[in-house]
PDB file of N, CA and C in Angstrom:
ATOM      1  N   GLN A   1     167.296 116.722 102.189  1.00  0.00           N
ATOM      2  CA  GLN A   1     165.907 116.982 102.565  1.00  0.00           C
ATOM      3  C   GLN A   1     164.986 116.172 101.663  1.00  0.00           C
ATOM      4  N   VAL A   2     164.105 115.422 102.276  1.00  0.00           N
ATOM      5  CA  VAL A   2     163.183 114.592 101.511  1.00  0.00           C
ATOM      6  C   VAL A   2     162.050 115.443 100.968  1.00  0.00           C
ATOM      7  N   GLN A   3     161.767 115.271  99.694  1.00  0.00           N
ATOM      8  CA  GLN A   3     160.661 115.983  99.065  1.00  0.00           C
ATOM      9  C   GLN A   3     159.806 115.003  98.277  1.00  0.00           C
ATOM     10  N   LEU A   4     158.501 115.230  98.322  1.00  0.00           N
ATOM     11  CA  LEU A   4     157.556 114.414  97.576  1.00  0.00           C
ATOM     12  C   LEU A   4     156.799 115.332  96.623  1.00  0.00           C
ATOM     13  N   VAL A   5     156.693 114.914  95.388  1.00  0.00           N
ATOM     14  CA  VAL A   5     155.983 115.706  94.389  1.00  0.00           C
ATOM     15  C   VAL A   5     154.936 114.838  93.724  1.00  0.00           C
ATOM     16  N   GLU A   6     153.667 115.247  93.884  1.00  0.00           N
ATOM     17  CA  GLU A   6     152.570 114.513  93.250  1.00  0.00           C
ATOM     18  C   GLU A   6     152.283 115.102  91.881  1.00  0.00           C
ATOM     19  N   SER A   7     151.738 114.290  91.025  1.00  0.00           N
ATOM     20  CA  SER A   7     151.287 114.743  89.711  1.00  0.00           C
ATOM     21  C   SER A   7     150.157 113.834  89.248  1.00  0.00           C
ATOM     22  N   GLY A   8     149.412 114.316  88.251  1.00  0.00           N
ATOM     23  CA  GLY A   8     148.374 113.491  87.656  1.00  0.00           C
ATOM     24  C   GLY A   8     146.957 113.863  88.021  1.00  0.00           C
ATOM     25  N   GLY A   9     146.780 114.830  88.896  1.00  0.00           N
ATOM     26  CA  GLY A   9     145.433 115.244  89.247  1.00  0.00           C
ATOM     27  C   GLY A   9     144.789 116.052  88.129  1.00  0.00           C
ATOM     28  N   GLY A  10     143.516 116.369  88.334  1.00  0.00           N
ATOM     29  CA  GLY A  10     142.814 117.166  87.336  1.00  0.00           C
ATOM     30  C   GLY A  10     141.325 116.946  87.395  1.00  0.00           C
ATOM     31  N   LEU A  11     140.656 117.363  86.323  1.00  0.00           N
ATOM     32  CA  LEU A  11     139.197 117.234  86.208  1.00  0.00           C
ATOM     33  C   LEU A  11     138.872 116.014  85.362  1.00  0.00           C
ATOM     34  N   VAL A  12     138.036 115.152  85.907  1.00  0.00           N
ATOM     35  CA  VAL A  12     137.672 113.905  85.241  1.00  0.00           C
ATOM     36  C   VAL A  12     136.155 113.732  85.298  1.00  0.00           C
ATOM     37  N   THR A  13     135.589 113.184  84.271  1.00  0.00           N
ATOM     38  CA  THR A  13     134.165 112.885  84.246  1.00  0.00           C
ATOM     39  C   THR A  13     133.902 111.592  85.010  1.00  0.00           C
ATOM     40  N   ALA A  14     132.790 111.555  85.724  1.00  0.00           N
ATOM     41  CA  ALA A  14     132.419 110.340  86.459  1.00  0.00           C
ATOM     42  C   ALA A  14     132.448 109.127  85.538  1.00  0.00           C
ATOM     43  N   GLY A  15     132.992 108.045  86.069  1.00  0.00           N
ATOM     44  CA  GLY A  15     133.154 106.840  85.280  1.00  0.00           C
ATOM     45  C   GLY A  15     134.515 106.717  84.636  1.00  0.00           C
ATOM     46  N   GLY A  16     135.234 107.810  84.614  1.00  0.00           N
ATOM     47  CA  GLY A  16     136.562 107.813  84.025  1.00  0.00           C
ATOM     48  C   GLY A  16     137.605 107.288  84.993  1.00  0.00           C
ATOM     49  N   SER A  17     138.852 107.449  84.612  1.00  0.00           N
ATOM     50  CA  SER A  17     139.950 106.972  85.450  1.00  0.00           C
ATOM     51  C   SER A  17     141.102 107.957  85.410  1.00  0.00           C
ATOM     52  N   LEU A  18     141.977 107.836  86.384  1.00  0.00           N
ATOM     53  CA  LEU A  18     143.198 108.625  86.383  1.00  0.00           C
ATOM     54  C   LEU A  18     144.271 107.915  87.166  1.00  0.00           C
ATOM     55  N   THR A  19     145.503 108.356  86.941  1.00  0.00           N
ATOM     56  CA  THR A  19     146.642 107.811  87.666  1.00  0.00           C
ATOM     57  C   THR A  19     147.407 108.952  88.305  1.00  0.00           C
ATOM     58  N   LEU A  20     147.580 108.867  89.596  1.00  0.00           N
ATOM     59  CA  LEU A  20     148.378 109.826  90.344  1.00  0.00           C
ATOM     60  C   LEU A  20     149.771 109.245  90.545  1.00  0.00           C
ATOM     61  N   SER A  21     150.768 110.104  90.463  1.00  0.00           N
ATOM     62  CA  SER A  21     152.142 109.672  90.670  1.00  0.00           C
ATOM     63  C   SER A  21     152.780 110.493  91.779  1.00  0.00           C
ATOM     64  N   CYS A  22     153.732 109.875  92.461  1.00  0.00           N
ATOM     65  CA  CYS A  22     154.458 110.548  93.530  1.00  0.00           C
ATOM     66  C   CYS A  22     155.935 110.222  93.372  1.00  0.00           C
ATOM     67  N   ALA A  23     156.741 111.249  93.248  1.00  0.00           N
ATOM     68  CA  ALA A  23     158.185 111.073  93.120  1.00  0.00           C
ATOM     69  C   ALA A  23     158.849 111.547  94.406  1.00  0.00           C
ATOM     70  N   VAL A  24     159.675 110.684  94.984  1.00  0.00           N
ATOM     71  CA  VAL A  24     160.370 110.986  96.236  1.00  0.00           C
ATOM     72  C   VAL A  24     161.826 111.292  95.924  1.00  0.00           C
ATOM     73  N   SER A  25     162.289 112.428  96.397  1.00  0.00           N
ATOM     74  CA  SER A  25     163.689 112.782  96.193  1.00  0.00           C
ATOM     75  C   SER A  25     164.327 113.138  97.523  1.00  0.00           C
ATOM     76  N   GLY A  26     165.661 113.149  97.539  1.00  0.00           N
ATOM     77  CA  GLY A  26     166.379 113.538  98.743  1.00  0.00           C
ATOM     78  C   GLY A  26     166.653 112.408  99.701  1.00  0.00           C
ATOM     79  N   SER A  27     166.352 111.173  99.293  1.00  0.00           N
ATOM     80  CA  SER A  27     166.636 110.049 100.158  1.00  0.00           C
ATOM     81  C   SER A  27     167.184 108.898  99.330  1.00  0.00           C
ATOM     82  N   THR A  28     168.217 108.273  99.845  1.00  0.00           N
ATOM     83  CA  THR A  28     168.767 107.116  99.150  1.00  0.00           C
ATOM     84  C   THR A  28     168.154 105.822  99.652  1.00  0.00           C
ATOM     85  N   LEU A  29     167.290 105.919 100.651  1.00  0.00           N
ATOM     86  CA  LEU A  29     166.658 104.747 101.227  1.00  0.00           C
ATOM     87  C   LEU A  29     165.221 104.629 100.745  1.00  0.00           C
ATOM     88  N   SER A  30     164.757 103.414 100.618  1.00  0.00           N
ATOM     89  CA  SER A  30     163.337 103.231 100.318  1.00  0.00           C
ATOM     90  C   SER A  30     162.575 103.246 101.639  1.00  0.00           C
ATOM     91  N   PHE A  31     161.371 103.626 101.602  1.00  0.00           N
ATOM     92  CA  PHE A  31     160.547 103.752 102.790  1.00  0.00           C
ATOM     93  C   PHE A  31     159.676 102.520 102.987  1.00  0.00           C
ATOM     94  N   ASN A  32     159.488 102.149 104.239  1.00  0.00           N
ATOM     95  CA  ASN A  32     158.701 100.968 104.536  1.00  0.00           C
ATOM     96  C   ASN A  32     157.270 101.123 104.027  1.00  0.00           C
ATOM     97  N   ALA A  33     156.648 102.233 104.347  1.00  0.00           N
ATOM     98  CA  ALA A  33     155.251 102.444 103.980  1.00  0.00           C
ATOM     99  C   ALA A  33     155.131 103.617 103.012  1.00  0.00           C
ATOM    100  N   MET A  34     154.404 103.387 101.955  1.00  0.00           N
ATOM    101  CA  MET A  34     154.102 104.452 100.989  1.00  0.00           C
ATOM    102  C   MET A  34     152.602 104.414 100.751  1.00  0.00           C
ATOM    103  N   GLY A  35     151.983 105.565 100.743  1.00  0.00           N
ATOM    104  CA  GLY A  35     150.536 105.539 100.598  1.00  0.00           C
ATOM    105  C   GLY A  35     149.953 106.849 100.134  1.00  0.00           C
ATOM    106  N   TRP A  36     148.646 106.814  99.937  1.00  0.00           N
ATOM    107  CA  TRP A  36     147.890 107.975  99.494  1.00  0.00           C
ATOM    108  C   TRP A  36     146.763 108.265 100.487  1.00  0.00           C
ATOM    109  N   PHE A  37     146.623 109.527 100.794  1.00  0.00           N
ATOM    110  CA  PHE A  37     145.513 110.022 101.578  1.00  0.00           C
ATOM    111  C   PHE A  37     144.735 111.017 100.717  1.00  0.00           C
ATOM    112  N   ARG A  38     143.538 111.315 101.134  1.00  0.00           N
ATOM    113  CA  ARG A  38     142.779 112.362 100.459  1.00  0.00           C
ATOM    114  C   ARG A  38     141.965 113.140 101.483  1.00  0.00           C
ATOM    115  N   GLN A  39     141.709 114.380 101.118  1.00  0.00           N
ATOM    116  CA  GLN A  39     140.914 115.240 102.000  1.00  0.00           C
ATOM    117  C   GLN A  39     139.931 116.026 101.149  1.00  0.00           C
ATOM    118  N   ALA A  40     138.663 115.737 101.345  1.00  0.00           N
ATOM    119  CA  ALA A  40     137.613 116.483 100.662  1.00  0.00           C
ATOM    120  C   ALA A  40     137.310 117.746 101.449  1.00  0.00           C
ATOM    121  N   LEU A  41     136.726 118.697 100.782  1.00  0.00           N
ATOM    122  CA  LEU A  41     136.410 119.976 101.401  1.00  0.00           C
ATOM    123  C   LEU A  41     135.511 119.777 102.623  1.00  0.00           C
ATOM    124  N   GLY A  42     135.956 120.272 103.762  1.00  0.00           N
ATOM    125  CA  GLY A  42     135.165 120.176 104.976  1.00  0.00           C
ATOM    126  C   GLY A  42     135.239 118.844 105.686  1.00  0.00           C
ATOM    127  N   LYS A  43     136.083 117.936 105.203  1.00  0.00           N
ATOM    128  CA  LYS A  43     136.191 116.611 105.812  1.00  0.00           C
ATOM    129  C   LYS A  43     137.615 116.352 106.288  1.00  0.00           C
ATOM    130  N   GLN A  44     137.751 115.336 107.116  1.00  0.00           N
ATOM    131  CA  GLN A  44     139.069 114.959 107.607  1.00  0.00           C
ATOM    132  C   GLN A  44     139.846 114.196 106.535  1.00  0.00           C
ATOM    133  N   ARG A  45     141.151 114.276 106.647  1.00  0.00           N
ATOM    134  CA  ARG A  45     141.999 113.523 105.742  1.00  0.00           C
ATOM    135  C   ARG A  45     141.819 112.035 106.014  1.00  0.00           C
ATOM    136  N   GLU A  46     141.706 111.238 104.955  1.00  0.00           N
ATOM    137  CA  GLU A  46     141.482 109.803 105.117  1.00  0.00           C
ATOM    138  C   GLU A  46     142.461 109.010 104.266  1.00  0.00           C
ATOM    139  N   LEU A  47     142.792 107.831 104.744  1.00  0.00           N
ATOM    140  CA  LEU A  47     143.680 106.944 104.010  1.00  0.00           C
ATOM    141  C   LEU A  47     142.941 106.341 102.826  1.00  0.00           C
ATOM    142  N   VAL A  48     143.591 106.348 101.673  1.00  0.00           N
ATOM    143  CA  VAL A  48     143.016 105.749 100.470  1.00  0.00           C
ATOM    144  C   VAL A  48     143.639 104.378 100.216  1.00  0.00           C
ATOM    145  N   ALA A  49     144.960 104.334 100.238  1.00  0.00           N
ATOM    146  CA  ALA A  49     145.652 103.078  99.957  1.00  0.00           C
ATOM    147  C   ALA A  49     147.065 103.166 100.492  1.00  0.00           C
ATOM    148  N   VAL A  50     147.617 102.010 100.853  1.00  0.00           N
ATOM    149  CA  VAL A  50     148.988 101.937 101.339  1.00  0.00           C
ATOM    150  C   VAL A  50     149.642 100.686 100.783  1.00  0.00           C
ATOM    151  N   ILE A  51     150.936 100.783 100.535  1.00  0.00           N
ATOM    152  CA  ILE A  51     151.703  99.634 100.063  1.00  0.00           C
ATOM    153  C   ILE A  51     152.985  99.547 100.876  1.00  0.00           C
ATOM    154  N   GLY A  52     153.262  98.358 101.382  1.00  0.00           N
ATOM    155  CA  GLY A  52     154.463  98.149 102.170  1.00  0.00           C
ATOM    156  C   GLY A  52     155.658  97.827 101.293  1.00  0.00           C
ATOM    157  N   SER A  53     156.812  97.718 101.919  1.00  0.00           N
ATOM    158  CA  SER A  53     158.042  97.493 101.171  1.00  0.00           C
ATOM    159  C   SER A  53     158.045  96.153 100.450  1.00  0.00           C
ATOM    160  N   ALA A  54     157.286  95.192 100.962  1.00  0.00           N
ATOM    161  CA  ALA A  54     157.202  93.878 100.329  1.00  0.00           C
ATOM    162  C   ALA A  54     156.072  93.791  99.328  1.00  0.00           C
ATOM    163  N   GLY A  55     155.344  94.883  99.167  1.00  0.00           N
ATOM    164  CA  GLY A  55     154.281  94.908  98.174  1.00  0.00           C
ATOM    165  C   GLY A  55     152.886  94.604  98.697  1.00  0.00           C
ATOM    166  N   VAL A  56     152.758  94.410 100.005  1.00  0.00           N
ATOM    167  CA  VAL A  56     151.426  94.170 100.573  1.00  0.00           C
ATOM    168  C   VAL A  56     150.623  95.467 100.496  1.00  0.00           C
ATOM    169  N   THR A  57     149.376  95.363 100.066  1.00  0.00           N
ATOM    170  CA  THR A  57     148.544  96.547  99.872  1.00  0.00           C
ATOM    171  C   THR A  57     147.299  96.504 100.743  1.00  0.00           C
ATOM    172  N   ILE A  58     146.841  97.677 101.101  1.00  0.00           N
ATOM    173  CA  ILE A  58     145.596  97.853 101.843  1.00  0.00           C
ATOM    174  C   ILE A  58     144.845  99.006 101.200  1.00  0.00           C
ATOM    175  N   TYR A  59     143.543  98.821 101.023  1.00  0.00           N
ATOM    176  CA  TYR A  59     142.713  99.849 100.401  1.00  0.00           C
ATOM    177  C   TYR A  59     141.554 100.222 101.320  1.00  0.00           C
ATOM    178  N   ALA A  60     141.162 101.471 101.242  1.00  0.00           N
ATOM    179  CA  ALA A  60     139.946 101.897 101.922  1.00  0.00           C
ATOM    180  C   ALA A  60     138.761 101.232 101.238  1.00  0.00           C
ATOM    181  N   ASP A  61     137.721 100.981 102.014  1.00  0.00           N
ATOM    182  CA  ASP A  61     136.529 100.347 101.440  1.00  0.00           C
ATOM    183  C   ASP A  61     135.957 101.182 100.292  1.00  0.00           C
ATOM    184  N   SER A  62     136.102 102.484 100.392  1.00  0.00           N
ATOM    185  CA  SER A  62     135.516 103.377  99.398  1.00  0.00           C
ATOM    186  C   SER A  62     136.146 103.234  98.009  1.00  0.00           C
ATOM    187  N   VAL A  63     137.358 102.709  97.931  1.00  0.00           N
ATOM    188  CA  VAL A  63     138.024 102.560  96.635  1.00  0.00           C
ATOM    189  C   VAL A  63     138.368 101.108  96.314  1.00  0.00           C
ATOM    190  N   LYS A  64     138.090 100.199  97.227  1.00  0.00           N
ATOM    191  CA  LYS A  64     138.436  98.791  97.018  1.00  0.00           C
ATOM    192  C   LYS A  64     137.782  98.279  95.740  1.00  0.00           C
ATOM    193  N   GLY A  65     138.568  97.638  94.916  1.00  0.00           N
ATOM    194  CA  GLY A  65     138.072  97.133  93.646  1.00  0.00           C
ATOM    195  C   GLY A  65     138.174  98.135  92.509  1.00  0.00           C
ATOM    196  N   ARG A  66     138.446  99.392  92.852  1.00  0.00           N
ATOM    197  CA  ARG A  66     138.559 100.432  91.815  1.00  0.00           C
ATOM    198  C   ARG A  66     139.960 101.033  91.761  1.00  0.00           C
ATOM    199  N   ALA A  67     140.753 100.788  92.797  1.00  0.00           N
ATOM    200  CA  ALA A  67     142.056 101.436  92.893  1.00  0.00           C
ATOM    201  C   ALA A  67     143.184 100.411  92.909  1.00  0.00           C
ATOM    202  N   THR A  68     144.319 100.827  92.371  1.00  0.00           N
ATOM    203  CA  THR A  68     145.523  99.998  92.398  1.00  0.00           C
ATOM    204  C   THR A  68     146.695 100.885  92.767  1.00  0.00           C
ATOM    205  N   ILE A  69     147.377 100.520  93.842  1.00  0.00           N
ATOM    206  CA  ILE A  69     148.564 101.251  94.251  1.00  0.00           C
ATOM    207  C   ILE A  69     149.797 100.438  93.893  1.00  0.00           C
ATOM    208  N   SER A  70     150.841 101.096  93.460  1.00  0.00           N
ATOM    209  CA  SER A  70     152.076 100.399  93.116  1.00  0.00           C
ATOM    210  C   SER A  70     153.263 101.285  93.493  1.00  0.00           C
ATOM    211  N   ARG A  71     154.419 100.657  93.596  1.00  0.00           N
ATOM    212  CA  ARG A  71     155.620 101.398  93.939  1.00  0.00           C
ATOM    213  C   ARG A  71     156.804 100.835  93.187  1.00  0.00           C
ATOM    214  N   ASN A  72     157.800 101.682  92.989  1.00  0.00           N
ATOM    215  CA  ASN A  72     159.049 101.283  92.370  1.00  0.00           C
ATOM    216  C   ASN A  72     160.155 101.659  93.337  1.00  0.00           C
ATOM    217  N   ASN A  73     160.695 100.671  94.029  1.00  0.00           N
ATOM    218  CA  ASN A  73     161.703 100.935  95.044  1.00  0.00           C
ATOM    219  C   ASN A  73     163.023 101.411  94.456  1.00  0.00           C
ATOM    220  N   ALA A  74     163.271 101.056  93.216  1.00  0.00           N
ATOM    221  CA  ALA A  74     164.537 101.429  92.589  1.00  0.00           C
ATOM    222  C   ALA A  74     164.656 102.940  92.395  1.00  0.00           C
ATOM    223  N   ASN A  75     163.537 103.574  92.066  1.00  0.00           N
ATOM    224  CA  ASN A  75     163.609 105.022  91.859  1.00  0.00           C
ATOM    225  C   ASN A  75     162.694 105.800  92.792  1.00  0.00           C
ATOM    226  N   ASN A  76     162.222 105.138  93.850  1.00  0.00           N
ATOM    227  CA  ASN A  76     161.412 105.812  94.876  1.00  0.00           C
ATOM    228  C   ASN A  76     160.220 106.560  94.289  1.00  0.00           C
ATOM    229  N   THR A  77     159.425 105.840  93.534  1.00  0.00           N
ATOM    230  CA  THR A  77     158.198 106.420  93.010  1.00  0.00           C
ATOM    231  C   THR A  77     157.017 105.539  93.390  1.00  0.00           C
ATOM    232  N   MET A  78     155.867 106.133  93.339  1.00  0.00           N
ATOM    233  CA  MET A  78     154.643 105.443  93.708  1.00  0.00           C
ATOM    234  C   MET A  78     153.523 105.961  92.831  1.00  0.00           C
ATOM    235  N   SER A  79     152.537 105.131  92.550  1.00  0.00           N
ATOM    236  CA  SER A  79     151.410 105.595  91.763  1.00  0.00           C
ATOM    237  C   SER A  79     150.117 105.029  92.327  1.00  0.00           C
ATOM    238  N   LEU A  80     149.048 105.689  92.004  1.00  0.00           N
ATOM    239  CA  LEU A  80     147.703 105.253  92.390  1.00  0.00           C
ATOM    240  C   LEU A  80     146.801 105.401  91.182  1.00  0.00           C
ATOM    241  N   HIS A  81     146.246 104.302  90.732  1.00  0.00           N
ATOM    242  CA  HIS A  81     145.314 104.327  89.614  1.00  0.00           C
ATOM    243  C   HIS A  81     143.916 104.068  90.163  1.00  0.00           C
ATOM    244  N   ILE A  82     142.976 104.914  89.806  1.00  0.00           N
ATOM    245  CA  ILE A  82     141.593 104.735  90.220  1.00  0.00           C
ATOM    246  C   ILE A  82     140.727 104.751  88.973  1.00  0.00           C
ATOM    247  N   ASN A  83     139.875 103.756  88.843  1.00  0.00           N
ATOM    248  CA  ASN A  83     138.931 103.765  87.736  1.00  0.00           C
ATOM    249  C   ASN A  83     137.499 103.879  88.281  1.00  0.00           C
ATOM    250  N   SER A  84     136.559 103.958  87.376  1.00  0.00           N
ATOM    251  CA  SER A  84     135.147 104.129  87.754  1.00  0.00           C
ATOM    252  C   SER A  84     134.992 105.260  88.764  1.00  0.00           C
ATOM    253  N   LEU A  85     135.609 106.387  88.477  1.00  0.00           N
ATOM    254  CA  LEU A  85     135.605 107.512  89.408  1.00  0.00           C
ATOM    255  C   LEU A  85     134.198 108.024  89.669  1.00  0.00           C
ATOM    256  N   LYS A  86     133.986 108.462  90.910  1.00  0.00           N
ATOM    257  CA  LYS A  86     132.699 108.974  91.357  1.00  0.00           C
ATOM    258  C   LYS A  86     132.879 110.408  91.849  1.00  0.00           C
ATOM    259  N   PRO A  87     131.815 111.197  91.849  1.00  0.00           N
ATOM    260  CA  PRO A  87     131.943 112.564  92.374  1.00  0.00           C
ATOM    261  C   PRO A  87     132.480 112.592  93.804  1.00  0.00           C
ATOM    262  N   GLU A  88     132.165 111.573  94.583  1.00  0.00           N
ATOM    263  CA  GLU A  88     132.655 111.542  95.970  1.00  0.00           C
ATOM    264  C   GLU A  88     134.146 111.241  96.071  1.00  0.00           C
ATOM    265  N   ASP A  89     134.794 110.955  94.962  1.00  0.00           N
ATOM    266  CA  ASP A  89     136.252 110.822  94.958  1.00  0.00           C
ATOM    267  C   ASP A  89     136.938 112.186  94.863  1.00  0.00           C
ATOM    268  N   THR A  90     136.155 113.227  94.670  1.00  0.00           N
ATOM    269  CA  THR A  90     136.714 114.575  94.585  1.00  0.00           C
ATOM    270  C   THR A  90     137.390 114.950  95.898  1.00  0.00           C
ATOM    271  N   ALA A  91     138.651 115.333  95.814  1.00  0.00           N
ATOM    272  CA  ALA A  91     139.438 115.661  97.011  1.00  0.00           C
ATOM    273  C   ALA A  91     140.827 116.103  96.582  1.00  0.00           C
ATOM    274  N   VAL A  92     141.569 116.591  97.552  1.00  0.00           N
ATOM    275  CA  VAL A  92     143.006 116.785  97.364  1.00  0.00           C
ATOM    276  C   VAL A  92     143.686 115.494  97.804  1.00  0.00           C
ATOM    277  N   TYR A  93     144.499 114.953  96.939  1.00  0.00           N
ATOM    278  CA  TYR A  93     145.183 113.687  97.213  1.00  0.00           C
ATOM    279  C   TYR A  93     146.640 113.969  97.596  1.00  0.00           C
ATOM    280  N   TYR A  94     147.068 113.331  98.697  1.00  0.00           N
ATOM    281  CA  TYR A  94     148.418 113.528  99.212  1.00  0.00           C
ATOM    282  C   TYR A  94     149.162 112.199  99.234  1.00  0.00           C
ATOM    283  N   CYS A  95     150.406 112.209  98.828  1.00  0.00           N
ATOM    284  CA  CYS A  95     151.210 111.012  99.018  1.00  0.00           C
ATOM    285  C   CYS A  95     151.995 111.152 100.325  1.00  0.00           C
ATOM    286  N   ASN A  96     152.272 110.020 100.913  1.00  0.00           N
ATOM    287  CA  ASN A  96     152.917 109.960 102.222  1.00  0.00           C
ATOM    288  C   ASN A  96     153.877 108.784 102.258  1.00  0.00           C
ATOM    289  N   VAL A  97     155.073 109.009 102.789  1.00  0.00           N
ATOM    290  CA  VAL A  97     156.031 107.917 102.918  1.00  0.00           C
ATOM    291  C   VAL A  97     156.673 107.986 104.289  1.00  0.00           C
ATOM    292  N   GLY A  98     157.014 106.826 104.827  1.00  0.00           N
ATOM    293  CA  GLY A  98     157.654 106.792 106.121  1.00  0.00           C
ATOM    294  C   GLY A  98     157.790 105.377 106.633  1.00  0.00           C
ATOM    295  N   ARG A  99     158.216 105.279 107.876  1.00  0.00           N
ATOM    296  CA  ARG A  99     158.319 103.956 108.493  1.00  0.00           C
ATOM    297  C   ARG A  99     156.922 103.397 108.775  1.00  0.00           C
ATOM    298  N   ILE A 100     156.050 104.299 109.181  1.00  0.00           N
ATOM    299  CA  ILE A 100     154.648 103.942 109.442  1.00  0.00           C
ATOM    300  C   ILE A 100     153.768 104.873 108.629  1.00  0.00           C
ATOM    301  N   ILE A 101     152.733 104.334 108.024  1.00  0.00           N
ATOM    302  CA  ILE A 101     151.867 105.169 107.192  1.00  0.00           C
ATOM    303  C   ILE A 101     151.217 106.251 108.040  1.00  0.00           C
ATOM    304  N   GLY A 102     151.126 107.446 107.477  1.00  0.00           N
ATOM    305  CA  GLY A 102     150.569 108.573 108.198  1.00  0.00           C
ATOM    306  C   GLY A 102     151.608 109.395 108.924  1.00  0.00           C
ATOM    307  N   GLN A 103     152.819 108.870 109.042  1.00  0.00           N
ATOM    308  CA  GLN A 103     153.929 109.602 109.629  1.00  0.00           C
ATOM    309  C   GLN A 103     154.928 109.911 108.522  1.00  0.00           C
ATOM    310  N   GLY A 104     156.055 110.474 108.852  1.00  0.00           N
ATOM    311  CA  GLY A 104     157.095 110.698 107.863  1.00  0.00           C
ATOM    312  C   GLY A 104     156.862 111.945 107.034  1.00  0.00           C
ATOM    313  N   TYR A 105     156.896 111.761 105.730  1.00  0.00           N
ATOM    314  CA  TYR A 105     156.905 112.887 104.801  1.00  0.00           C
ATOM    315  C   TYR A 105     155.635 112.934 103.956  1.00  0.00           C
ATOM    316  N   TRP A 106     155.256 114.192 103.621  1.00  0.00           N
ATOM    317  CA  TRP A 106     154.035 114.410 102.849  1.00  0.00           C
ATOM    318  C   TRP A 106     154.328 115.220 101.601  1.00  0.00           C
ATOM    319  N   GLY A 107     153.561 114.978 100.563  1.00  0.00           N
ATOM    320  CA  GLY A 107     153.591 115.820  99.391  1.00  0.00           C
ATOM    321  C   GLY A 107     152.695 117.030  99.603  1.00  0.00           C
ATOM    322  N   GLN A 108     152.692 117.897  98.600  1.00  0.00           N
ATOM    323  CA  GLN A 108     151.924 119.140  98.725  1.00  0.00           C
ATOM    324  C   GLN A 108     150.461 118.963  98.337  1.00  0.00           C
ATOM    325  N   GLY A 109     150.151 117.827  97.737  1.00  0.00           N
ATOM    326  CA  GLY A 109     148.771 117.550  97.369  1.00  0.00           C
ATOM    327  C   GLY A 109     148.472 117.875  95.915  1.00  0.00           C
ATOM    328  N   THR A 110     147.562 117.104  95.342  1.00  0.00           N
ATOM    329  CA  THR A 110     147.105 117.347  93.980  1.00  0.00           C
ATOM    330  C   THR A 110     145.587 117.213  93.944  1.00  0.00           C
ATOM    331  N   GLN A 111     144.933 118.162  93.312  1.00  0.00           N
ATOM    332  CA  GLN A 111     143.469 118.197  93.294  1.00  0.00           C
ATOM    333  C   GLN A 111     142.922 117.230  92.262  1.00  0.00           C
ATOM    334  N   VAL A 112     141.951 116.449  92.688  1.00  0.00           N
ATOM    335  CA  VAL A 112     141.186 115.595  91.775  1.00  0.00           C
ATOM    336  C   VAL A 112     139.728 116.011  91.877  1.00  0.00           C
ATOM    337  N   THR A 113     139.134 116.356  90.756  1.00  0.00           N
ATOM    338  CA  THR A 113     137.742 116.756  90.712  1.00  0.00           C
ATOM    339  C   THR A 113     137.008 115.858  89.741  1.00  0.00           C
ATOM    340  N   VAL A 114     135.960 115.214  90.227  1.00  0.00           N
ATOM    341  CA  VAL A 114     135.169 114.313  89.396  1.00  0.00           C
ATOM    342  C   VAL A 114     133.809 114.948  89.171  1.00  0.00           C
ATOM    343  N   SER A 115     133.494 115.230  87.930  1.00  0.00           N
ATOM    344  CA  SER A 115     132.222 115.861  87.601  1.00  0.00           C
ATOM    345  C   SER A 115     131.179 114.808  87.253  1.00  0.00           C
ATOM    346  N   SER A 116     129.964 115.090  87.642  1.00  0.00           N
ATOM    347  CA  SER A 116     128.880 114.118  87.386  1.00  0.00           C
ATOM    348  C   SER A 116     128.245 114.358  86.020  1.00  0.00           C
TER     349      SER A 116
END
């Protein structure tokens, strides 16, 4: 059974930075697409960043230039670093892996709160 566990969330002051990590277990295969979504209170879940198996990355406009997504295929882990955090980055962040981003497997989510 594939399981994803996020870590690294918490309370951060605006302008600060944090790194979220996602550990994938229960699979001996690497996934084509690995990415991060977030869902703010009262809003729809949105894609933050995705990285393909070859390392190609895509970022949402809202985090472009502030976020870096990376993956380690050898141990099936992924991370998301965001700097210059803003209050509007406050959300529950979910990692997702699968053949196509948005499908496949999801983590349980980790809360990120940015105080002004």
